[in-house]
Protein backbone atom coordinates (compact mmCIF):
# COMPACT_ATOMS: atom_id res chain seq x y z
CA MET A 1 115.15 84.77 104.71
CA SER A 2 114.85 88.64 104.76
CA HIS A 3 114.06 90.84 107.54
CA ASP A 4 110.58 91.33 106.31
CA ASP A 5 109.83 87.66 106.93
CA PHE A 6 109.68 87.96 110.74
CA LYS A 7 106.58 88.77 112.25
CA LEU A 8 106.65 91.24 115.28
CA LYS A 9 103.87 92.02 117.76
CA ASP A 10 102.59 95.63 117.81
CA LEU A 11 104.89 97.58 120.30
CA ALA A 12 101.95 99.88 121.23
CA GLY A 13 99.83 97.04 122.64
CA SER A 14 96.63 95.51 121.55
CA LYS A 15 94.60 97.86 119.54
CA GLY A 16 91.29 95.96 120.16
CA ALA A 17 91.29 96.82 123.92
CA SER A 18 90.55 100.47 123.42
CA THR A 19 87.86 100.15 120.66
CA GLY A 20 85.17 98.65 122.60
CA LEU A 21 84.36 95.96 119.74
CA ALA A 22 83.00 92.71 120.88
CA PRO A 23 85.29 89.72 120.46
CA GLY A 24 84.55 87.72 117.32
CA SER A 25 83.12 90.37 115.42
CA GLY A 26 84.39 90.93 111.83
CA ALA A 27 86.09 94.25 112.76
CA GLY A 28 87.68 92.84 115.96
CA GLN A 29 89.44 90.09 113.49
CA SER A 30 90.79 92.91 111.46
CA LEU A 31 92.31 94.66 114.51
CA ILE A 32 93.80 91.38 115.52
CA GLU A 33 95.50 91.11 111.97
CA ASP A 34 96.41 94.72 112.22
CA SER A 35 98.43 93.94 115.65
CA VAL A 36 100.92 91.60 113.91
CA ARG A 37 103.43 93.80 112.32
CA THR A 38 106.38 92.75 110.06
CA ALA A 39 109.89 93.90 110.70
CA VAL A 40 109.62 96.40 107.69
CA ASP A 41 107.30 98.35 109.95
CA LEU A 42 110.33 99.08 112.18
CA ALA A 43 112.28 100.56 109.31
CA PRO A 44 112.34 104.08 110.90
CA VAL A 45 114.60 102.80 113.69
CA PHE A 46 116.98 100.77 111.55
CA ASP A 47 119.44 103.59 111.46
CA VAL A 48 119.36 104.35 115.06
CA PRO A 49 122.89 103.99 116.44
CA VAL A 50 123.47 101.89 119.44
CA ASN A 51 126.69 101.04 121.44
CA ILE A 52 127.46 97.28 121.80
CA SER A 53 130.03 96.15 124.38
CA ALA A 54 131.42 92.59 124.80
CA VAL A 55 132.59 92.29 128.43
CA LEU A 56 135.12 89.60 128.88
CA GLY A 57 135.43 90.22 132.62
CA LYS A 58 135.60 92.83 135.50
CA ALA A 59 138.27 93.44 138.01
CA HIS A 60 138.14 95.94 140.97
CA ILE A 61 141.42 97.47 142.16
CA ASP A 62 142.45 100.64 144.05
CA VAL A 63 143.79 103.74 142.17
CA ASN A 64 147.27 103.05 143.53
CA SER A 65 147.35 99.57 141.91
CA LEU A 66 145.90 101.05 138.66
CA LEU A 67 148.71 103.69 138.54
CA LYS A 68 151.42 100.88 138.73
CA LEU A 69 150.17 98.91 135.86
CA THR A 70 152.47 98.99 132.79
CA ALA A 71 152.69 97.42 129.42
CA GLY A 72 152.85 93.57 130.05
CA SER A 73 150.94 93.79 133.39
CA VAL A 74 148.59 90.87 133.93
CA LEU A 75 144.96 91.93 135.37
CA GLU A 76 143.06 89.02 136.69
CA LEU A 77 139.39 89.20 135.68
CA ASP A 78 136.38 87.77 137.43
CA ARG A 79 135.82 85.07 134.63
CA LYS A 80 137.38 81.68 133.98
CA VAL A 81 138.58 80.53 130.61
CA GLY A 82 135.70 79.50 128.51
CA GLU A 83 133.19 81.14 130.44
CA ALA A 84 130.59 83.17 128.72
CA ILE A 85 131.09 86.69 128.22
CA ASP A 86 128.20 89.40 128.69
CA ILE A 87 127.09 91.57 125.75
CA TYR A 88 125.65 94.81 126.47
CA VAL A 89 123.46 96.97 124.12
CA ASN A 90 123.42 100.67 125.43
CA ASN A 91 124.78 99.55 128.78
CA ARG A 92 121.89 96.85 129.13
CA LEU A 93 122.72 93.47 129.29
CA VAL A 94 120.91 91.49 126.40
CA ALA A 95 122.90 88.44 125.66
CA ARG A 96 125.76 86.16 126.67
CA GLY A 97 128.06 84.67 124.13
CA GLU A 98 131.47 83.23 123.17
CA VAL A 99 134.67 84.63 121.69
CA VAL A 100 135.20 83.38 118.16
CA VAL A 101 138.01 84.33 115.54
CA VAL A 102 136.68 85.23 112.33
CA GLU A 103 139.68 85.42 109.77
CA ASP A 104 142.06 87.60 111.70
CA ARG A 105 139.53 89.50 113.94
CA LEU A 106 137.95 88.63 117.08
CA GLY A 107 134.07 88.27 117.27
CA VAL A 108 131.51 87.24 119.45
CA THR A 109 128.85 84.36 119.10
CA MET A 110 125.57 84.98 121.10
CA THR A 111 124.76 81.76 122.91
CA GLU A 112 122.04 82.98 125.12
CA ILE A 113 119.47 85.93 125.00
CA ILE A 114 118.64 87.70 128.25
CA LYS A 115 115.05 88.89 128.49
CA ASP A 116 114.94 90.62 131.54
CA GLY A 117 118.02 92.67 131.35
CA ASP A 118 119.47 91.75 134.62
CA GLY A 119 121.31 88.56 133.77
CA SER A 120 120.43 87.07 137.26
């Protein structure tokens, strides 16, 4: 399946709302069909760079404790082993996932998509 196979809604909103055309008219049907776009219509944004972060957990410590950290120090995070990690795109929470090993590298498998961006 290629990225062209996915149907995406028009990001600008409904075209029929501002035309004043009566529902059910032939021209209105054409506008409904035009409001469904394919991923190929988003091609101009495919090369826009984004920052992706996979956060294993967080810790809050004071500066004095931070300065005492050395190689081999253990910093306890706010997550438990096996708990989902947070995946951010441009500092916005978009998903949760699990850490996986791919050959000799770490990776992330998305297990949940966060639609509202707050993760609550």
